[in-house]
N, C-alpha and C. Protein backbone atom coordinates (compact mmCIF):
# COMPACT_ATOMS: atom_id res chain seq x y z
N MET A 1 13.66 -21.50 -6.82
CA MET A 1 13.41 -20.80 -8.40
C MET A 1 14.59 -19.91 -8.38
N ARG A 2 15.03 -19.89 -9.87
CA ARG A 2 16.24 -18.93 -9.90
C ARG A 2 15.22 -17.92 -11.17
N LEU A 3 15.22 -16.49 -10.57
CA LEU A 3 14.82 -15.45 -11.22
C LEU A 3 15.71 -14.49 -11.09
N THR A 4 15.73 -14.01 -12.67
CA THR A 4 16.25 -12.63 -12.39
C THR A 4 15.71 -11.50 -12.70
N ASN A 5 16.45 -10.29 -12.68
CA ASN A 5 15.87 -9.28 -12.64
C ASN A 5 14.95 -8.71 -13.56
N LYS A 6 15.30 -9.34 -14.65
CA LYS A 6 14.99 -8.78 -16.14
C LYS A 6 13.56 -9.88 -15.95
N GLN A 7 13.53 -10.87 -15.70
CA GLN A 7 12.44 -11.63 -15.53
C GLN A 7 11.57 -11.13 -14.62
N ALA A 8 12.06 -10.98 -13.25
CA ALA A 8 11.02 -10.50 -12.56
C ALA A 8 10.19 -8.81 -13.00
N LEU A 9 11.08 -7.85 -13.62
CA LEU A 9 10.13 -7.15 -14.30
C LEU A 9 9.53 -7.51 -15.04
N ALA A 10 9.90 -7.90 -16.18
CA ALA A 10 9.05 -8.81 -17.03
C ALA A 10 7.16 -9.40 -16.63
N ALA A 11 8.01 -9.84 -15.62
CA ALA A 11 6.58 -10.80 -14.82
C ALA A 11 5.62 -9.38 -14.10
N TYR A 12 6.28 -8.35 -13.52
CA TYR A 12 5.16 -7.19 -13.25
C TYR A 12 4.72 -6.87 -14.32
N HIS A 13 5.67 -6.32 -15.62
CA HIS A 13 4.94 -5.38 -16.37
C HIS A 13 3.66 -6.18 -17.10
N ALA A 14 4.08 -7.77 -17.32
CA ALA A 14 2.83 -8.12 -17.85
C ALA A 14 1.40 -8.17 -17.08
N VAL A 15 1.60 -8.13 -15.84
CA VAL A 15 0.60 -8.01 -14.64
C VAL A 15 0.41 -6.63 -14.64
N ALA A 16 0.71 -5.68 -14.68
CA ALA A 16 0.33 -4.06 -14.96
C ALA A 16 -0.20 -4.16 -16.17
N GLU A 17 0.47 -4.79 -16.92
CA GLU A 17 -0.44 -4.72 -18.38
C GLU A 17 -1.53 -4.86 -18.54
N ALA A 18 -1.83 -6.23 -17.88
CA ALA A 18 -3.12 -6.63 -17.93
C ALA A 18 -4.17 -6.07 -17.44
N PHE A 19 -3.57 -5.34 -16.13
CA PHE A 19 -4.68 -4.76 -15.04
C PHE A 19 -4.99 -3.14 -15.92
N THR A 20 -4.22 -2.50 -16.79
CA THR A 20 -4.58 -1.66 -17.22
C THR A 20 -5.53 -1.81 -18.35
N LYS A 21 -5.22 -3.00 -18.89
CA LYS A 21 -6.11 -3.59 -20.24
C LYS A 21 -7.71 -4.20 -19.42
N ASN A 22 -8.04 -4.08 -18.27
CA ASN A 22 -9.29 -4.39 -17.55
C ASN A 22 -9.11 -6.15 -17.98
N GLU A 23 -7.83 -6.71 -18.05
CA GLU A 23 -8.22 -8.47 -18.35
C GLU A 23 -7.78 -8.73 -16.93
N ALA A 24 -7.90 -10.22 -17.05
CA ALA A 24 -7.84 -10.58 -15.73
C ALA A 24 -6.10 -11.05 -15.47
N LEU A 25 -5.75 -10.75 -14.25
CA LEU A 25 -4.50 -10.71 -14.21
C LEU A 25 -3.54 -12.23 -14.22
N PRO A 26 -3.03 -12.37 -15.46
CA PRO A 26 -2.28 -13.88 -15.50
C PRO A 26 -1.65 -14.46 -13.93
N ILE A 27 -2.23 -15.09 -13.66
CA ILE A 27 -1.79 -15.74 -12.53
C ILE A 27 -0.49 -16.28 -12.36
N ASN A 28 -0.21 -16.79 -13.60
CA ASN A 28 1.73 -17.29 -13.80
C ASN A 28 2.52 -15.92 -13.12
N GLU A 29 2.20 -14.88 -13.93
CA GLU A 29 3.36 -13.88 -13.89
C GLU A 29 3.01 -13.26 -12.64
N VAL A 30 1.57 -13.41 -11.70
CA VAL A 30 1.14 -12.70 -10.54
C VAL A 30 1.94 -13.70 -9.61
N ASN A 31 2.23 -14.82 -9.83
CA ASN A 31 3.23 -16.01 -9.00
C ASN A 31 4.47 -15.30 -8.88
N LEU A 32 4.91 -15.14 -10.28
CA LEU A 32 6.26 -14.58 -10.13
C LEU A 32 6.73 -13.25 -9.38
N VAL A 33 5.59 -12.19 -9.81
CA VAL A 33 5.42 -10.84 -8.92
C VAL A 33 5.74 -11.31 -7.04
N SER A 34 4.95 -12.45 -6.81
CA SER A 34 4.78 -12.37 -5.22
C SER A 34 5.96 -12.74 -4.80
N TYR A 35 6.85 -13.53 -5.46
CA TYR A 35 7.58 -14.37 -5.42
C TYR A 35 8.84 -13.16 -5.21
N SER A 36 8.99 -12.62 -6.56
CA SER A 36 10.28 -11.53 -6.55
C SER A 36 10.21 -10.20 -5.76
N ILE A 37 8.86 -9.83 -5.64
CA ILE A 37 8.62 -8.35 -4.78
C ILE A 37 8.93 -9.04 -3.47
N GLN A 38 9.29 -9.99 -3.02
CA GLN A 38 10.12 -9.94 -1.87
C GLN A 38 11.41 -9.87 -1.62
N ASP A 39 12.15 -9.76 -2.56
CA ASP A 39 13.36 -8.74 -3.03
C ASP A 39 13.05 -7.25 -2.66
N ASN A 40 14.09 -6.57 -2.16
CA ASN A 40 13.92 -5.16 -1.42
C ASN A 40 13.83 -4.48 -2.62
N GLN A 41 14.65 -4.90 -3.75
CA GLN A 41 14.99 -3.92 -5.02
C GLN A 41 13.79 -3.88 -5.89
N VAL A 42 13.29 -4.95 -5.99
CA VAL A 42 11.57 -5.16 -6.83
C VAL A 42 10.67 -4.20 -6.30
N ARG A 43 10.80 -4.65 -5.01
CA ARG A 43 9.50 -4.28 -4.53
C ARG A 43 9.77 -2.23 -4.30
N ASP A 44 10.93 -1.85 -4.17
CA ASP A 44 11.05 -0.42 -4.47
C ASP A 44 10.81 -0.24 -5.90
N TYR A 45 10.97 -1.11 -6.83
CA TYR A 45 10.83 -0.71 -8.19
C TYR A 45 8.87 -0.84 -8.17
N VAL A 46 8.46 -1.57 -7.47
CA VAL A 46 7.03 -1.48 -7.53
C VAL A 46 6.41 -0.40 -7.04
N LEU A 47 7.13 0.51 -5.71
CA LEU A 47 6.95 1.37 -5.01
C LEU A 47 6.80 2.94 -5.85
N GLY A 48 7.72 2.71 -7.11
CA GLY A 48 7.80 3.96 -7.59
C GLY A 48 6.93 3.37 -8.80
N HIS A 49 6.98 2.62 -9.80
CA HIS A 49 6.21 2.66 -11.11
C HIS A 49 5.20 2.79 -10.76
N ALA A 50 3.93 1.90 -9.74
CA ALA A 50 2.97 1.70 -9.90
C ALA A 50 2.24 3.01 -9.77
N PRO A 51 2.49 4.20 -8.87
CA PRO A 51 1.84 5.18 -8.62
C PRO A 51 2.16 6.31 -9.62
N MET A 52 3.25 6.29 -10.16
CA MET A 52 3.94 6.91 -11.38
C MET A 52 3.00 6.78 -12.57
N THR A 53 2.63 5.08 -12.88
CA THR A 53 1.65 5.27 -13.85
C THR A 53 0.23 5.10 -14.10
N LEU A 54 0.34 4.64 -12.67
CA LEU A 54 -1.35 3.96 -12.26
C LEU A 54 -2.09 5.40 -11.67
N GLY A 55 -1.30 6.23 -10.98
CA GLY A 55 -2.00 7.14 -9.96
C GLY A 55 -2.07 6.28 -8.77
N ALA A 56 -2.14 6.91 -7.60
CA ALA A 56 -2.14 6.70 -6.08
C ALA A 56 -3.68 5.55 -6.21
N GLU A 57 -4.80 6.15 -7.06
CA GLU A 57 -6.08 5.40 -6.70
C GLU A 57 -5.75 3.63 -7.59
N GLY A 58 -4.93 4.01 -8.83
CA GLY A 58 -4.91 3.23 -9.61
C GLY A 58 -3.95 2.19 -8.90
N ALA A 59 -2.79 2.42 -8.38
CA ALA A 59 -2.00 1.67 -7.63
C ALA A 59 -2.54 1.15 -6.80
N ILE A 60 -3.39 1.75 -5.83
CA ILE A 60 -4.22 0.79 -4.68
C ILE A 60 -5.35 -0.02 -5.33
N GLU A 61 -6.06 0.20 -6.24
CA GLU A 61 -6.54 -1.39 -6.93
C GLU A 61 -5.86 -2.03 -7.68
N PHE A 62 -4.85 -1.89 -8.01
CA PHE A 62 -3.84 -2.86 -8.54
C PHE A 62 -3.13 -3.64 -7.42
N ILE A 63 -2.85 -3.20 -6.37
CA ILE A 63 -2.20 -3.93 -5.61
C ILE A 63 -3.43 -4.87 -4.98
N THR A 64 -4.65 -4.43 -4.63
CA THR A 64 -6.00 -5.07 -3.88
C THR A 64 -5.78 -5.68 -4.85
N GLN A 65 -6.15 -5.89 -5.88
CA GLN A 65 -6.08 -7.16 -7.04
C GLN A 65 -5.10 -8.01 -6.98
N ILE A 66 -3.92 -7.82 -6.88
CA ILE A 66 -2.77 -9.13 -6.34
C ILE A 66 -3.36 -9.65 -5.06
N LEU A 67 -3.51 -8.97 -4.26
CA LEU A 67 -3.19 -9.20 -3.02
C LEU A 67 -4.48 -10.76 -2.74
N SER A 68 -5.56 -10.21 -3.76
CA SER A 68 -6.50 -11.08 -3.72
C SER A 68 -5.87 -12.63 -4.28
N LEU A 69 -4.62 -12.67 -5.06
CA LEU A 69 -4.57 -13.65 -5.80
C LEU A 69 -3.08 -14.29 -5.00
N ILE A 70 -2.73 -14.14 -4.10
CA ILE A 70 -1.53 -14.56 -3.54
C ILE A 70 -1.62 -15.18 -2.20
N GLU A 71 -0.68 -15.76 -1.92
CA GLU A 71 -0.59 -16.47 -0.34
C GLU A 71 -0.45 -15.52 0.55
N GLU A 72 -1.12 -15.99 2.12
CA GLU A 72 -0.58 -14.56 2.95
C GLU A 72 0.60 -14.70 3.24
N ASP A 73 1.50 -15.56 2.99
CA ASP A 73 3.18 -15.52 3.48
C ASP A 73 3.46 -14.93 2.85
N LEU A 74 3.05 -14.14 1.75
CA LEU A 74 3.72 -13.67 0.70
C LEU A 74 3.17 -12.13 0.40
N ARG A 75 2.13 -11.90 1.55
CA ARG A 75 1.64 -10.45 1.38
C ARG A 75 2.04 -9.55 2.12
N VAL A 76 3.15 -9.36 2.51
CA VAL A 76 3.81 -8.22 3.65
C VAL A 76 4.00 -6.87 2.64
N PRO A 77 5.01 -7.66 2.13
CA PRO A 77 5.57 -6.00 0.77
C PRO A 77 4.01 -5.56 0.41
N PHE A 78 3.20 -6.18 -0.44
CA PHE A 78 2.07 -5.74 -0.62
C PHE A 78 1.42 -4.95 0.03
N TYR A 79 0.91 -5.03 1.17
CA TYR A 79 0.62 -4.52 2.40
C TYR A 79 1.31 -3.37 2.73
N THR A 80 2.71 -3.56 2.60
CA THR A 80 3.16 -2.04 2.87
C THR A 80 3.14 -1.53 1.72
N LEU A 81 3.53 -1.51 0.51
CA LEU A 81 2.70 -1.24 -0.72
C LEU A 81 1.68 0.15 -0.97
N LEU A 82 0.70 -0.97 -0.31
CA LEU A 82 -0.46 -0.56 -0.23
C LEU A 82 -0.72 1.06 0.70
N SER A 83 -0.25 0.11 1.81
CA SER A 83 -0.04 1.63 2.95
C SER A 83 0.42 2.86 2.13
N ALA A 84 1.19 2.80 1.45
CA ALA A 84 2.23 3.65 0.91
C ALA A 84 1.17 4.57 -0.02
N PHE A 85 0.53 3.84 -0.83
CA PHE A 85 -0.28 4.16 -1.57
C PHE A 85 -1.79 4.64 -1.03
N TYR A 86 -2.30 4.50 -0.30
CA TYR A 86 -3.17 5.06 0.23
C TYR A 86 -3.12 6.48 0.85
N TYR A 87 -1.52 6.48 1.63
CA TYR A 87 -1.42 7.72 2.30
C TYR A 87 -1.03 8.90 1.33
N GLU A 88 -0.16 8.14 0.20
CA GLU A 88 -0.30 9.22 -1.06
C GLU A 88 -1.72 9.75 -1.29
N ALA A 89 -2.77 8.77 -1.55
CA ALA A 89 -4.24 9.06 -2.01
C ALA A 89 -4.71 10.02 -0.91
N GLY A 90 -3.96 10.25 0.25
CA GLY A 90 -5.00 10.86 1.08
C GLY A 90 -5.67 10.56 2.45
N ASP A 91 -5.34 9.01 2.56
CA ASP A 91 -6.18 7.86 3.37
C ASP A 91 -5.56 7.57 4.23
N THR A 92 -5.42 8.48 5.24
CA THR A 92 -4.09 7.91 5.87
C THR A 92 -4.47 6.86 7.31
N GLU A 93 -5.96 6.79 7.33
CA GLU A 93 -6.41 5.67 8.15
C GLU A 93 -6.37 4.17 7.41
N LEU A 94 -6.44 3.77 6.24
CA LEU A 94 -6.27 3.06 5.46
C LEU A 94 -5.13 2.78 5.32
N ALA A 95 -4.16 3.67 5.36
CA ALA A 95 -2.80 3.42 5.40
C ALA A 95 -1.82 2.83 6.50
N VAL A 96 -2.25 3.44 7.65
CA VAL A 96 -2.43 2.65 8.82
C VAL A 96 -2.70 1.39 9.10
N ALA A 97 -4.30 1.30 8.64
CA ALA A 97 -4.46 0.00 8.98
C ALA A 97 -3.85 -1.02 7.86
N SER A 98 -3.21 -1.11 6.90
CA SER A 98 -2.55 -1.64 5.86
C SER A 98 -0.98 -1.79 6.31
N LEU A 99 -0.46 -0.89 7.35
CA LEU A 99 0.71 -1.13 7.93
C LEU A 99 0.41 -2.52 8.71
N HIS A 100 -0.51 -2.43 10.00
CA HIS A 100 -0.72 -3.20 10.43
C HIS A 100 -0.62 -4.26 10.26
N THR A 101 -1.32 -4.53 9.10
CA THR A 101 -1.75 -6.10 8.21
C THR A 101 -0.22 -6.30 8.31
N ALA A 102 0.70 -5.53 7.66
CA ALA A 102 1.86 -5.76 7.06
C ALA A 102 2.88 -6.31 8.75
N GLN A 103 2.65 -5.18 9.53
CA GLN A 103 3.05 -6.02 10.86
C GLN A 103 2.70 -6.63 11.49
N ALA A 104 1.58 -7.03 11.64
CA ALA A 104 1.37 -8.09 12.56
C ALA A 104 1.85 -9.76 11.63
N LEU A 105 2.11 -9.73 10.09
CA LEU A 105 2.37 -10.97 9.35
C LEU A 105 3.83 -10.55 9.73
N ASN A 106 4.51 -9.88 9.81
CA ASN A 106 6.09 -9.33 10.16
C ASN A 106 6.49 -8.01 10.53
N PRO A 107 7.08 -8.17 12.07
CA PRO A 107 6.93 -7.26 12.61
C PRO A 107 7.68 -6.61 12.50
N ASN A 108 9.35 -7.05 12.10
CA ASN A 108 10.71 -6.91 11.80
C ASN A 108 10.89 -5.95 10.11
N TYR A 109 9.55 -5.82 9.49
CA TYR A 109 9.83 -5.62 7.93
C TYR A 109 10.13 -4.37 8.45
N SER A 110 11.28 -3.86 7.75
CA SER A 110 11.72 -2.80 8.12
C SER A 110 10.88 -1.11 7.00
N LEU A 111 10.60 -1.46 5.79
CA LEU A 111 9.95 -0.42 4.87
C LEU A 111 8.66 -0.62 5.46
N ALA A 112 7.95 -1.54 6.41
CA ALA A 112 6.43 -0.98 6.91
C ALA A 112 6.93 -0.23 8.38
N ASN A 113 7.97 -0.49 9.24
CA ASN A 113 8.71 0.35 10.03
C ASN A 113 9.15 1.53 9.68
N LEU A 114 9.45 2.07 8.86
CA LEU A 114 9.81 3.21 7.99
C LEU A 114 8.72 4.04 7.72
N PHE A 115 7.90 3.50 7.14
CA PHE A 115 6.59 3.94 6.69
C PHE A 115 5.81 4.37 8.18
N THR A 116 5.96 3.60 9.09
CA THR A 116 5.08 4.02 10.39
C THR A 116 5.63 5.22 11.04
N ARG A 117 6.88 5.79 10.76
CA ARG A 117 7.87 7.11 11.18
C ARG A 117 7.04 7.79 10.47
N VAL A 118 7.11 7.38 8.72
CA VAL A 118 6.59 8.76 8.25
C VAL A 118 5.72 9.30 8.54
N ILE A 119 4.42 8.23 8.72
CA ILE A 119 3.13 8.61 9.11
C ILE A 119 3.01 9.44 10.32
N ASN A 120 3.77 8.94 11.41
CA ASN A 120 3.77 9.02 13.19
C ASN A 120 4.52 10.65 12.61
N ALA A 121 4.97 10.81 11.60
CA ALA A 121 5.96 12.31 11.64
C ALA A 121 5.03 12.64 11.08
N LYS A 122 3.77 12.92 10.48
CA LYS A 122 2.82 13.48 9.67
C LYS A 122 3.74 14.20 8.45
N TRP A 123 4.68 13.32 8.02
CA TRP A 123 4.99 13.85 6.58
C TRP A 123 3.52 14.22 5.27
N SER A 124 4.06 15.13 4.88
CA SER A 124 2.92 15.20 3.74
C SER A 124 2.77 14.74 2.77
N ALA A 125 1.96 13.88 2.35
CA ALA A 125 2.02 13.38 1.06
C ALA A 125 2.96 13.40 -0.32
N GLU A 126 2.50 14.91 -0.20
CA GLU A 126 3.52 15.59 -1.62
C GLU A 126 5.19 15.13 -1.67
N LEU A 127 5.37 15.37 -0.22
CA LEU A 127 6.80 15.01 0.39
C LEU A 127 7.21 13.34 0.04
N PHE A 128 6.24 12.49 0.61
CA PHE A 128 6.37 11.21 0.50
C PHE A 128 6.80 11.16 -1.08
N ALA A 129 5.94 11.52 -1.78
CA ALA A 129 5.40 11.34 -3.15
C ALA A 129 6.63 11.49 -4.47
N GLU A 130 7.19 13.08 -3.89
CA GLU A 130 8.62 13.63 -4.25
C GLU A 130 9.51 12.91 -3.95
N MET A 131 9.93 12.49 -2.81
CA MET A 131 11.22 11.38 -2.39
C MET A 131 10.76 10.19 -3.36
N ARG A 132 9.65 9.65 -3.19
CA ARG A 132 9.77 8.42 -4.17
C ARG A 132 10.04 8.71 -5.98
N ASN A 133 9.50 9.31 -6.39
CA ASN A 133 9.68 10.07 -7.51
C ASN A 133 11.54 10.10 -7.68
N GLU A 134 12.33 10.68 -6.96
CA GLU A 134 13.45 11.15 -7.20
C GLU A 134 14.21 9.57 -6.69
N LEU A 135 13.94 8.69 -5.95
CA LEU A 135 14.15 7.49 -6.19
C LEU A 135 14.01 6.75 -6.84
N HIS A 136 12.88 6.44 -7.63
CA HIS A 136 12.97 5.23 -8.53
C HIS A 136 13.60 5.56 -9.90
N PRO A 137 14.23 6.69 -10.36
CA PRO A 137 15.31 6.30 -11.64
C PRO A 137 16.44 5.69 -10.98
N LYS A 138 16.48 6.03 -9.98
CA LYS A 138 17.94 5.34 -8.98
C LYS A 138 17.88 3.54 -9.41
N VAL A 139 16.35 3.33 -8.91
CA VAL A 139 16.41 1.75 -8.71
C VAL A 139 16.61 1.30 -10.62
N GLU A 140 15.38 2.22 -11.20
CA GLU A 140 15.87 1.68 -12.67
C GLU A 140 16.66 1.55 -13.52
N ALA A 141 18.08 2.59 -12.87
CA ALA A 141 19.31 2.27 -13.42
C ALA A 141 20.22 0.77 -12.79
N THR A 142 19.64 0.91 -11.74
CA THR A 142 20.26 -0.04 -10.84
C THR A 142 19.67 -1.75 -11.72
N PHE A 143 18.62 -1.54 -11.85
CA PHE A 143 17.81 -2.89 -12.85
C PHE A 143 18.61 -3.23 -14.18
N GLU A 144 19.00 -1.77 -14.84
CA GLU A 144 19.42 -2.06 -16.05
C GLU A 144 20.76 -2.51 -16.01
N VAL A 145 21.53 -2.00 -14.59
CA VAL A 145 23.16 -2.49 -14.64
C VAL A 145 23.03 -4.35 -14.36
N GLU A 146 21.93 -4.59 -13.45
CA GLU A 146 22.27 -5.82 -12.87
C GLU A 146 20.43 -6.51 -13.37
N LYS A 147 20.22 -6.19 -14.80
CA LYS A 147 18.94 -7.49 -15.48
C LYS A 147 19.53 -8.72 -15.35
N GLU A 148 20.36 -9.32 -15.41
CA GLU A 148 20.79 -10.62 -15.41
C GLU A 148 21.26 -11.30 -13.98
N LEU A 149 21.23 -10.18 -13.05
CA LEU A 149 21.28 -10.59 -12.03
C LEU A 149 20.30 -11.58 -11.22
N ALA A 150 20.62 -12.62 -10.44
CA ALA A 150 19.98 -13.35 -9.52
C ALA A 150 18.93 -12.83 -8.69
N ILE A 151 17.96 -12.73 -8.04
CA ILE A 151 17.24 -12.61 -7.41
C ILE A 151 17.63 -13.48 -6.05
N ALA A 152 17.73 -12.89 -5.06
CA ALA A 152 17.85 -13.94 -3.79
C ALA A 152 16.80 -14.48 -3.31
């Protein structure tokens, strides 16, 4: 499957829009998102965009809905994002549980390992959110420049 960054973001935004309108998530776009989020740049875009537009609680519900629609072998990035959103919402127990699930599926997933270190270091949720918010415009800028680039 050849998918560009532009197509990946269009699919993600279609899913996010359906979620905000309380509509059924469009399965074709969910499938594109589940494929494209395996790319770190797409994952990092969702990491910033979902909580910035939906809040931590909304991002949790959004990712949970997507998880129910995708195959287990594609879930690692979603569980990792879910962990970040739980942490930001102040639920360290569910953040750790989500990380454990991600790491059970892929013990070498770098973002899950990073979040484990963040949680173990007891970073504040506010600092975590601040760093994410500072990173997101850079991720957006990269997508603008590389919108026609195919996702590996």
